[in-house]
Amino acid sequence: MRFRTQAVAYPYWVVALLLFGLQMVFGLLAVAKYLGPDPIRAWLPFDVTKEIHTNLLIVWVLTAFMGAAYWVVPEESEHELHSPPLAYVQLALWTLAGVTAVVGYLFGWTAGNKLLEQQLPVKLAIVVAMLLFLYNVGMTMWRARRVTTTEGMLVAGLAGAALLYLPALINFRDYSLGIFYRWWTVHLWVEGVWELVQAGLLAFLLMRLLGARREVMEKWLYVIGGLTFIAGLLGTAHHYFWIGMPRYWLPLGGFFSAMEPLAFLAMAIYAYAALRASGGGAATTNQLALHWTMGSAIFSALGAGILGLAHTWPAVNKWTHGTMITPMHGHMAFFGAYVMISLAMITYALPHLTGRPARARGIGLWAFWLQVGGMFGMTMAFGAAGITQTYLERILGLGYLDTQREMQPHFLMLLGTGFIFVVGVALFLYAFFFAPRGAEAEVPAETAPEPAGA
């Protein structure tokens, strides 16, 4: 750890991982409820369980991203963080807003706008927390008088996330308008600015773990940024296919959605090139962080890229929208692009924060492979359920409830593979919170930073 204030990242990751564990509880509960019987339906119905599950995902990933920024920005700027106390105040406000929202959902306190269900007071607290974050990292870079492309891409992505949250503050009385503007936040987060965050963290980790050349990595970042803005912005159109919008959204959405995988494929290519150039990463001290880093590049290309392309073309999407094909894409995409890169960043920094040895064996590897295997199985289960649902319900015209009964075997598979994934998460949490600490760790050789351009 080169700068004392990088330790601010640790409590952010503590909160993020606790919320990650809670998200797993509600995820398994949602699948069990879907299968039935549901003895607690009266006080915790399925829609609330799913609402909490998806909201926890968004909150903990953003928390992990902010923790990663508090680690990366001082190191890239070569300057201590502007104000650690302000970062702790921000974390307290952010956590309070998140907990208030989740508890509110249990009692029906919700705005009703899918994925943006928080009530206005909670949303305003979120905005304030994001502004505090941007002020803190912005002042750090300003005082350092240096901004690298890597940290610039990371902070630009998080600044974009804050800016794009503003449409969520408006409560539209017209439901169609609400759906239209919802995607200005949700789509442009997960298929726009969050990609910039992933790209920045991926470049940082490849430079630190594999010694990748900065000038090469940062040229790739410009390519990815351009692809994200071109394809991600107009790719929002694939959410407008079937909500009563004009027909010109169909070719727009189809063409630019077909371009969206290019950014993820570019990240996979430059990660693979960096791995090859380093001799396969054999000299890397922190092999476990390398597993998560390369896993993120590969899984995001598969889940966010290829599986997204598989059902966003209008001729296909008219049959598959609203089916289990969507969570097939969504689960692998989120896991690969945002969960794995967050866990990679945590795994990379943890030896520096705690003095634990950076080794890839035992619990850490079990956590990695159980999550990878469990998520792959969940994706296959969702995919099989979605194909069954599309054929029986949309093509043969079988009734909704009759179709759901035929999908039960696939949900049993989903429950089993989901349990495997949750065991992997539990092992990761155990390794983070309870693994024994050693003496203060030395910075591994590969993490010595390459001189950054101003």
Protein backbone atom coordinates (compact mmCIF):
# COMPACT_ATOMS: atom_id res chain seq x y z
CA MET A 1 0.00 0.00 0.00
CA ARG A 2 1.79 3.09 -1.26
CA PHE A 3 -0.48 5.69 0.38
CA ARG A 4 -1.90 5.54 3.89
CA THR A 5 -5.33 6.87 2.82
CA GLN A 6 -5.87 3.98 0.42
CA ALA A 7 -7.04 2.11 3.53
CA VAL A 8 -10.34 4.01 3.14
CA ALA A 9 -11.26 1.36 0.57
CA TYR A 10 -11.47 -1.38 3.20
CA PRO A 11 -14.70 -0.32 5.00
CA TYR A 12 -16.37 0.21 1.62
CA TRP A 13 -15.56 -3.37 0.70
CA VAL A 14 -16.75 -4.59 4.10
CA VAL A 15 -20.16 -3.01 3.48
CA ALA A 16 -20.23 -4.21 -0.13
CA LEU A 17 -19.52 -7.83 0.77
CA LEU A 18 -22.05 -7.88 3.61
CA LEU A 19 -24.69 -6.67 1.15
CA PHE A 20 -23.46 -9.26 -1.37
CA GLY A 21 -24.12 -11.99 1.18
CA LEU A 22 -27.57 -10.60 1.93
CA GLN A 23 -28.33 -10.48 -1.79
CA MET A 24 -27.58 -14.21 -1.99
CA VAL A 25 -30.09 -14.93 0.77
CA PHE A 26 -32.87 -13.13 -1.10
CA GLY A 27 -31.82 -14.72 -4.40
CA LEU A 28 -32.19 -18.27 -3.08
CA LEU A 29 -35.41 -17.27 -1.35
CA ALA A 30 -36.80 -15.92 -4.65
CA VAL A 31 -36.12 -19.21 -6.45
CA ALA A 32 -37.68 -21.22 -3.61
CA LYS A 33 -40.76 -18.99 -3.74
CA TYR A 34 -40.99 -19.42 -7.51
CA LEU A 35 -41.02 -23.18 -7.07
CA GLY A 36 -43.46 -23.07 -4.15
CA PRO A 37 -45.14 -23.68 -1.81
CA ASP A 38 -44.62 -20.30 -0.16
CA PRO A 39 -45.71 -20.23 3.49
CA ILE A 40 -44.41 -16.67 4.06
CA ARG A 41 -46.10 -15.12 1.02
CA ALA A 42 -48.46 -13.02 3.14
CA TRP A 43 -45.69 -10.92 4.71
CA LEU A 44 -42.87 -11.36 2.14
CA PRO A 45 -44.32 -11.84 -1.35
CA PHE A 46 -42.24 -12.80 -4.37
CA ASP A 47 -42.21 -9.32 -5.92
CA VAL A 48 -40.71 -7.77 -2.77
CA THR A 49 -38.11 -10.56 -2.53
CA LYS A 50 -37.05 -9.98 -6.14
CA GLU A 51 -37.07 -6.21 -5.64
CA ILE A 52 -34.68 -6.48 -2.68
CA HIS A 53 -32.47 -9.01 -4.51
CA THR A 54 -31.94 -6.73 -7.53
CA ASN A 55 -31.58 -3.52 -5.50
CA LEU A 56 -28.96 -5.09 -3.24
CA LEU A 57 -26.96 -6.02 -6.33
CA ILE A 58 -26.91 -2.44 -7.59
CA VAL A 59 -26.05 -0.98 -4.18
CA TRP A 60 -23.23 -3.38 -3.29
CA VAL A 61 -21.59 -3.19 -6.72
CA LEU A 62 -21.60 0.62 -6.61
CA THR A 63 -20.19 0.46 -3.07
CA ALA A 64 -17.39 -1.82 -4.27
CA PHE A 65 -16.72 0.52 -7.21
CA MET A 66 -16.35 3.50 -4.89
CA GLY A 67 -14.00 1.52 -2.65
CA ALA A 68 -11.96 0.60 -5.73
CA ALA A 69 -11.79 4.25 -6.76
CA TYR A 70 -10.53 5.21 -3.31
CA TRP A 71 -7.74 2.65 -3.81
CA VAL A 72 -6.89 3.45 -7.44
CA VAL A 73 -7.08 7.27 -7.51
CA PRO A 74 -4.38 7.93 -4.85
CA GLU A 75 -2.08 5.38 -6.46
CA GLU A 76 -2.57 6.66 -10.00
CA SER A 77 -2.43 10.33 -8.94
CA GLU A 78 0.51 9.64 -6.62
CA HIS A 79 -1.15 11.68 -3.90
CA GLU A 80 -2.98 10.99 -0.64
CA LEU A 81 -6.78 11.07 -0.72
CA HIS A 82 -8.13 14.60 -0.19
CA SER A 83 -10.29 13.82 2.86
CA PRO A 84 -10.62 10.36 4.48
CA PRO A 85 -13.14 11.70 7.08
CA LEU A 86 -15.37 12.87 4.22
CA ALA A 87 -15.15 9.39 2.69
CA TYR A 88 -16.34 7.84 5.97
CA VAL A 89 -19.23 10.33 6.20
CA GLN A 90 -20.16 9.47 2.63
CA LEU A 91 -20.10 5.75 3.39
CA ALA A 92 -22.34 6.24 6.43
CA LEU A 93 -24.87 8.25 4.41
CA TRP A 94 -24.73 5.81 1.51
CA THR A 95 -25.23 2.78 3.77
CA LEU A 96 -28.06 4.47 5.66
CA ALA A 97 -29.84 5.26 2.38
CA GLY A 98 -29.42 1.69 1.15
CA VAL A 99 -30.63 0.08 4.38
CA THR A 100 -33.58 2.49 4.58
CA ALA A 101 -34.61 1.61 1.03
CA VAL A 102 -34.46 -2.15 1.66
CA VAL A 103 -36.35 -1.96 4.97
CA GLY A 104 -38.86 0.32 3.29
CA TYR A 105 -39.54 -2.30 0.62
CA LEU A 106 -40.49 -4.78 3.35
CA PHE A 107 -43.21 -2.36 4.49
CA GLY A 108 -44.38 -1.32 1.05
CA TRP A 109 -42.55 2.04 1.05
CA THR A 110 -41.66 2.14 -2.62
CA ALA A 111 -41.98 4.49 -5.60
CA GLY A 112 -43.02 1.53 -7.77
CA ASN A 113 -40.60 2.31 -10.62
CA LYS A 114 -38.91 -1.02 -11.41
CA LEU A 115 -35.19 -1.04 -10.49
CA LEU A 116 -35.52 2.55 -9.22
CA GLU A 117 -38.04 1.91 -6.46
CA GLN A 118 -36.44 4.17 -3.85
CA GLN A 119 -38.61 6.96 -2.45
CA LEU A 120 -37.52 10.57 -3.13
CA PRO A 121 -35.86 11.22 0.29
CA VAL A 122 -33.69 8.12 -0.20
CA LYS A 123 -32.83 9.15 -3.75
CA LEU A 124 -31.77 12.60 -2.56
CA ALA A 125 -29.51 11.02 0.07
CA ILE A 126 -27.96 8.87 -2.68
CA VAL A 127 -27.32 11.97 -4.80
CA VAL A 128 -25.63 13.74 -1.87
CA ALA A 129 -23.44 10.69 -1.20
CA MET A 130 -22.39 10.53 -4.85
CA LEU A 131 -21.57 14.25 -4.87
CA LEU A 132 -19.40 13.83 -1.77
CA PHE A 133 -17.59 10.97 -3.49
CA LEU A 134 -16.98 12.94 -6.69
CA TYR A 135 -15.77 15.96 -4.73
CA ASN A 136 -13.31 13.82 -2.76
CA VAL A 137 -11.73 12.03 -5.71
CA GLY A 138 -11.90 15.16 -7.86
CA MET A 139 -10.01 17.21 -5.27
CA THR A 140 -7.45 14.42 -4.94
CA MET A 141 -6.70 14.57 -8.67
CA TRP A 142 -6.78 18.38 -8.66
CA ARG A 143 -4.26 18.62 -5.82
CA ALA A 144 -2.03 16.01 -7.45
CA ARG A 145 -2.11 17.91 -10.77
CA ARG A 146 -2.02 14.63 -12.66
CA VAL A 147 -4.71 12.45 -14.19
CA THR A 148 -3.94 9.18 -15.94
CA THR A 149 -6.24 7.74 -18.56
CA THR A 150 -6.86 4.74 -16.31
CA GLU A 151 -8.16 6.70 -13.33
CA GLY A 152 -9.86 9.18 -15.66
CA MET A 153 -11.88 6.38 -17.24
CA LEU A 154 -12.78 4.97 -13.81
CA VAL A 155 -13.87 8.30 -12.35
CA ALA A 156 -15.67 9.33 -15.56
CA GLY A 157 -17.73 6.15 -15.33
CA LEU A 158 -18.73 6.85 -11.73
CA ALA A 159 -19.43 10.52 -12.50
CA GLY A 160 -21.63 9.36 -15.37
CA ALA A 161 -23.46 7.02 -13.01
CA ALA A 162 -24.21 9.97 -10.70
CA LEU A 163 -25.37 12.17 -13.59
CA LEU A 164 -27.57 9.47 -15.10
CA TYR A 165 -29.28 8.90 -11.75
CA LEU A 166 -30.93 12.31 -12.02
CA PRO A 167 -33.82 11.14 -14.31
CA ALA A 168 -34.71 8.68 -11.55
CA LEU A 169 -35.64 11.62 -9.31
CA ILE A 170 -38.65 12.38 -11.52
CA ASN A 171 -41.82 10.49 -10.69
CA PHE A 172 -43.79 10.26 -13.94
CA ARG A 173 -47.56 9.88 -13.63
CA ASP A 174 -47.70 8.37 -17.11
CA TYR A 175 -46.45 4.78 -16.90
CA SER A 176 -45.18 4.70 -20.49
CA LEU A 177 -43.12 7.84 -19.90
CA GLY A 178 -41.76 6.27 -16.72
CA ILE A 179 -40.64 3.21 -18.69
CA PHE A 180 -39.08 5.40 -21.39
CA TYR A 181 -36.94 7.46 -19.01
CA ARG A 182 -36.16 4.57 -16.65
CA TRP A 183 -33.72 3.19 -19.19
CA TRP A 184 -31.85 6.50 -19.32
CA THR A 185 -30.65 5.49 -15.87
CA VAL A 186 -30.68 1.68 -15.83
CA HIS A 187 -29.48 0.89 -19.37
CA LEU A 188 -26.95 3.70 -19.53
CA TRP A 189 -25.56 2.52 -16.20
CA VAL A 190 -25.12 -1.18 -16.89
CA GLU A 191 -24.52 -1.00 -20.66
CA GLY A 192 -22.81 2.38 -20.63
CA VAL A 193 -20.88 4.13 -17.89
CA TRP A 194 -20.36 1.03 -15.72
CA GLU A 195 -18.44 -0.45 -18.66
CA LEU A 196 -16.02 2.46 -18.33
CA VAL A 197 -15.54 1.54 -14.67
CA GLN A 198 -14.86 -2.09 -15.57
CA ALA A 199 -12.44 -1.08 -18.32
CA GLY A 200 -10.52 1.26 -16.01
CA LEU A 201 -10.22 -1.34 -13.24
CA LEU A 202 -9.29 -4.06 -15.72
CA ALA A 203 -6.49 -1.92 -17.17
CA PHE A 204 -5.23 -1.05 -13.67
CA LEU A 205 -5.14 -4.70 -12.61
CA LEU A 206 -3.46 -5.89 -15.80
CA MET A 207 -0.73 -3.28 -15.36
CA ARG A 208 -0.20 -4.21 -11.71
CA LEU A 209 -0.53 -7.98 -11.99
CA LEU A 210 1.01 -8.66 -15.41
CA GLY A 211 3.19 -5.62 -15.97
CA ALA A 212 1.19 -4.66 -19.06
CA ARG A 213 2.52 -1.54 -20.78
CA ARG A 214 0.58 1.56 -19.80
CA GLU A 215 0.60 3.11 -23.26
CA VAL A 216 -0.94 -0.04 -24.75
CA MET A 217 -3.59 -0.40 -22.05
CA GLU A 218 -4.63 3.24 -22.23
CA LYS A 219 -4.93 3.20 -26.03
CA TRP A 220 -7.34 0.29 -25.59
CA LEU A 221 -9.27 2.37 -23.06
CA TYR A 222 -9.90 5.07 -25.67
CA VAL A 223 -11.22 2.43 -28.07
CA ILE A 224 -13.51 0.96 -25.41
CA GLY A 225 -14.74 4.40 -24.35
CA GLY A 226 -15.64 5.23 -27.95
CA LEU A 227 -17.44 1.93 -28.51
CA THR A 228 -19.34 2.32 -25.24
CA PHE A 229 -20.59 5.79 -26.08
CA ILE A 230 -21.57 4.96 -29.66
CA ALA A 231 -23.18 1.58 -29.08
CA GLY A 232 -24.32 1.96 -25.47
CA LEU A 233 -26.08 5.29 -25.96
CA LEU A 234 -28.12 4.35 -29.03
CA GLY A 235 -28.39 0.74 -27.91
CA THR A 236 -30.91 2.02 -25.35
CA ALA A 237 -33.36 1.68 -28.24
CA HIS A 238 -33.72 -2.08 -27.68
CA HIS A 239 -35.75 -1.24 -24.56
CA TYR A 240 -38.20 0.72 -26.73
CA PHE A 241 -39.21 -2.09 -29.09
CA TRP A 242 -42.53 -3.04 -27.51
CA ILE A 243 -43.71 -0.06 -25.44
CA GLY A 244 -45.58 1.81 -28.17
CA MET A 245 -42.66 3.79 -29.60
CA PRO A 246 -42.34 4.61 -33.35
CA ARG A 247 -41.07 1.84 -35.63
CA TYR A 248 -37.75 3.57 -36.34
CA TRP A 249 -36.54 2.38 -32.91
CA LEU A 250 -36.48 -1.20 -34.25
CA PRO A 251 -33.59 -0.82 -36.75
CA LEU A 252 -31.82 1.64 -34.45
CA GLY A 253 -32.01 -0.73 -31.51
CA GLY A 254 -31.10 -3.75 -33.60
CA PHE A 255 -28.02 -2.20 -35.22
CA PHE A 256 -26.51 -0.50 -32.19
CA SER A 257 -27.33 -3.38 -29.85
CA ALA A 258 -25.36 -5.59 -32.24
CA MET A 259 -22.40 -3.24 -31.68
CA GLU A 260 -22.61 -3.35 -27.87
CA PRO A 261 -20.64 -6.62 -27.51
CA LEU A 262 -17.64 -5.00 -29.23
CA ALA A 263 -16.54 -3.14 -26.08
CA PHE A 264 -16.62 -6.35 -24.03
CA LEU A 265 -14.84 -8.30 -26.75
CA ALA A 266 -12.17 -5.57 -26.86
CA MET A 267 -11.60 -5.96 -23.11
CA ALA A 268 -11.28 -9.73 -23.49
CA ILE A 269 -8.78 -9.27 -26.34
CA TYR A 270 -6.53 -6.86 -24.50
CA ALA A 271 -6.66 -8.96 -21.33
CA TYR A 272 -5.65 -12.06 -23.29
CA ALA A 273 -2.89 -10.13 -25.10
CA ALA A 274 -1.53 -8.90 -21.75
CA LEU A 275 -1.60 -12.45 -20.36
CA ARG A 276 0.28 -13.81 -23.41
CA ALA A 277 2.85 -11.01 -23.27
CA SER A 278 3.57 -11.80 -19.61
CA GLY A 279 4.27 -15.46 -20.30
CA GLY A 280 0.93 -16.66 -19.01
CA GLY A 281 1.17 -14.77 -15.74
CA ALA A 282 3.44 -17.38 -14.18
CA ALA A 283 5.49 -14.73 -12.38
CA THR A 284 2.45 -13.04 -10.88
CA THR A 285 2.48 -13.21 -7.09
CA ASN A 286 -1.27 -12.74 -6.58
CA GLN A 287 -2.61 -15.55 -8.76
CA LEU A 288 -6.05 -15.41 -7.18
CA ALA A 289 -6.53 -11.78 -8.21
CA LEU A 290 -5.39 -12.76 -11.69
CA HIS A 291 -8.07 -15.49 -11.78
CA TRP A 292 -10.79 -12.95 -11.01
CA THR A 293 -9.35 -10.40 -13.44
CA MET A 294 -9.17 -12.74 -16.42
CA GLY A 295 -12.50 -14.27 -15.42
CA SER A 296 -14.13 -10.86 -15.61
CA ALA A 297 -12.78 -10.25 -19.12
CA ILE A 298 -13.97 -13.65 -20.37
CA PHE A 299 -17.33 -13.89 -18.59
CA SER A 300 -18.35 -10.34 -19.52
CA ALA A 301 -17.64 -11.06 -23.19
CA LEU A 302 -19.85 -14.16 -22.94
CA GLY A 303 -22.64 -12.87 -20.72
CA ALA A 304 -22.89 -9.18 -21.53
CA GLY A 305 -21.63 -9.55 -25.08
CA ILE A 306 -22.67 -12.75 -26.80
CA LEU A 307 -25.75 -13.62 -24.70
CA GLY A 308 -26.94 -10.02 -24.94
CA LEU A 309 -26.59 -10.09 -28.72
CA ALA A 310 -28.46 -13.41 -28.81
CA HIS A 311 -31.80 -11.84 -27.94
CA THR A 312 -31.69 -8.08 -28.60
CA TRP A 313 -32.24 -8.32 -32.36
CA PRO A 314 -35.89 -7.26 -32.94
CA ALA A 315 -36.87 -10.39 -34.87
CA VAL A 316 -35.73 -12.54 -31.94
CA ASN A 317 -36.66 -10.20 -29.10
CA LYS A 318 -40.32 -10.07 -30.12
CA TRP A 319 -40.51 -13.70 -28.96
CA THR A 320 -38.09 -13.68 -26.04
CA HIS A 321 -38.72 -10.37 -24.24
CA GLY A 322 -40.22 -10.84 -20.79
CA THR A 323 -39.13 -14.49 -20.64
CA MET A 324 -36.39 -16.24 -18.68
CA ILE A 325 -34.01 -15.50 -21.56
CA THR A 326 -33.57 -12.04 -20.03
CA PRO A 327 -32.25 -13.22 -16.62
CA MET A 328 -30.10 -15.75 -18.50
CA HIS A 329 -28.27 -12.80 -20.07
CA GLY A 330 -28.56 -10.55 -17.02
CA HIS A 331 -27.07 -12.90 -14.44
CA MET A 332 -23.95 -13.83 -16.41
CA ALA A 333 -23.51 -10.25 -17.65
CA PHE A 334 -23.61 -8.70 -14.17
CA PHE A 335 -21.45 -11.42 -12.69
CA GLY A 336 -18.79 -11.24 -15.38
CA ALA A 337 -18.64 -7.51 -15.95
CA TYR A 338 -19.18 -6.05 -12.48
CA VAL A 339 -19.11 -8.69 -9.75
CA MET A 340 -15.91 -10.41 -10.89
CA ILE A 341 -14.00 -7.15 -11.47
CA SER A 342 -15.06 -5.97 -7.99
CA LEU A 343 -13.87 -9.23 -6.42
CA ALA A 344 -10.65 -9.00 -8.45
CA MET A 345 -9.97 -5.53 -7.08
CA ILE A 346 -10.70 -6.66 -3.50
CA THR A 347 -8.52 -9.75 -3.87
CA TYR A 348 -5.68 -7.67 -5.30
CA ALA A 349 -5.74 -5.06 -2.53
CA LEU A 350 -6.43 -7.33 0.45
CA PRO A 351 -2.84 -8.51 1.03
CA HIS A 352 -1.72 -4.87 1.16
CA LEU A 353 -4.49 -3.93 3.60
CA THR A 354 -4.29 -6.89 5.95
CA GLY A 355 -0.85 -8.46 5.56
CA ARG A 356 -2.36 -11.76 4.44
CA PRO A 357 -0.22 -13.65 1.91
CA ALA A 358 -1.32 -13.34 -1.72
CA ARG A 359 -1.62 -16.97 -2.70
CA ALA A 360 -4.06 -18.87 -4.87
CA ARG A 361 -4.95 -22.09 -3.13
CA GLY A 362 -7.46 -23.48 -0.67
CA ILE A 363 -10.52 -21.42 0.17
CA GLY A 364 -9.80 -18.67 -2.36
CA LEU A 365 -9.70 -21.01 -5.35
CA TRP A 366 -12.74 -22.94 -4.12
CA ALA A 367 -14.62 -19.64 -3.85
CA PHE A 368 -13.61 -18.73 -7.41
CA TRP A 369 -14.49 -22.00 -9.09
CA LEU A 370 -17.73 -22.59 -7.18
CA GLN A 371 -18.95 -19.15 -8.19
CA VAL A 372 -17.89 -19.63 -11.80
CA GLY A 373 -19.40 -23.11 -11.99
CA GLY A 374 -22.55 -22.11 -10.15
CA MET A 375 -23.12 -19.08 -12.36
CA PHE A 376 -22.56 -21.12 -15.52
CA GLY A 377 -25.12 -23.64 -14.31
CA MET A 378 -27.60 -20.90 -13.40
CA THR A 379 -27.19 -19.38 -16.86
CA MET A 380 -27.91 -22.73 -18.48
CA ALA A 381 -30.96 -23.23 -16.26
CA PHE A 382 -32.35 -19.80 -17.09
CA GLY A 383 -31.62 -20.40 -20.77
CA ALA A 384 -33.40 -23.77 -20.83
CA ALA A 385 -36.36 -22.30 -18.94
CA GLY A 386 -36.49 -19.33 -21.33
CA ILE A 387 -36.43 -21.49 -24.46
CA THR A 388 -39.17 -23.70 -23.00
CA GLN A 389 -41.22 -20.63 -22.07
CA THR A 390 -40.79 -18.99 -25.48
CA TYR A 391 -41.81 -22.09 -27.38
CA LEU A 392 -44.76 -23.17 -25.22
CA GLU A 393 -46.18 -19.75 -24.39
CA ARG A 394 -45.29 -17.51 -27.33
CA ILE A 395 -45.37 -20.00 -30.22
CA LEU A 396 -47.77 -22.79 -29.17
CA GLY A 397 -49.99 -20.43 -27.16
CA LEU A 398 -50.04 -22.47 -23.95
CA GLY A 399 -51.37 -20.58 -20.95
CA TYR A 400 -48.99 -18.76 -18.61
CA LEU A 401 -49.58 -20.96 -15.56
CA ASP A 402 -49.47 -24.17 -17.61
CA THR A 403 -46.15 -23.03 -19.06
CA GLN A 404 -44.78 -22.27 -15.61
CA ARG A 405 -45.58 -25.83 -14.53
CA GLU A 406 -43.58 -27.23 -17.46
CA MET A 407 -40.62 -25.04 -16.46
CA GLN A 408 -40.37 -26.47 -12.94
CA PRO A 409 -37.51 -28.92 -13.71
CA HIS A 410 -35.37 -26.04 -14.93
CA PHE A 411 -36.03 -24.12 -11.73
CA LEU A 412 -34.97 -27.12 -9.67
CA MET A 413 -31.69 -26.98 -11.61
CA LEU A 414 -31.55 -23.24 -10.95
CA LEU A 415 -32.00 -23.82 -7.23
CA GLY A 416 -29.22 -26.43 -7.16
CA THR A 417 -26.71 -24.41 -9.16
CA GLY A 418 -27.68 -21.27 -7.24
CA PHE A 419 -26.83 -23.08 -4.01
CA ILE A 420 -23.39 -23.96 -5.44
CA PHE A 421 -22.86 -20.30 -6.28
CA VAL A 422 -23.91 -19.21 -2.79
CA VAL A 423 -21.41 -21.65 -1.22
CA GLY A 424 -18.72 -19.99 -3.33
CA VAL A 425 -19.80 -16.56 -2.12
CA ALA A 426 -19.81 -17.78 1.49
CA LEU A 427 -16.24 -19.05 1.10
CA PHE A 428 -15.15 -15.69 -0.36
CA LEU A 429 -16.75 -13.88 2.58
CA TYR A 430 -15.03 -16.24 5.02
CA ALA A 431 -11.67 -15.65 3.36
CA PHE A 432 -12.20 -11.88 3.50
CA PHE A 433 -13.41 -11.60 7.09
CA PHE A 434 -11.90 -14.56 8.96
CA ALA A 435 -8.79 -15.85 7.20
CA PRO A 436 -5.78 -15.50 9.55
CA ARG A 437 -3.56 -12.46 9.12
CA GLY A 438 0.19 -12.55 8.83
CA ALA A 439 2.84 -9.94 9.32
CA GLU A 440 2.52 -6.77 7.28
CA ALA A 441 2.86 -7.86 3.67
CA GLU A 442 5.44 -6.47 1.34
CA VAL A 443 4.18 -5.09 -1.94
CA PRO A 444 4.66 -7.87 -4.52
CA ALA A 445 7.12 -7.02 -7.24
CA GLU A 446 4.55 -6.89 -10.01
CA THR A 447 2.58 -4.15 -8.26
CA ALA A 448 5.33 -1.56 -8.48
CA PRO A 449 3.62 1.13 -10.55
CA GLU A 450 4.86 2.11 -13.95
CA PRO A 451 5.37 5.85 -14.34
CA ALA A 452 2.12 7.47 -15.35
CA GLY A 453 1.69 10.13 -17.95
CA ALA A 454 0.33 13.46 -16.78
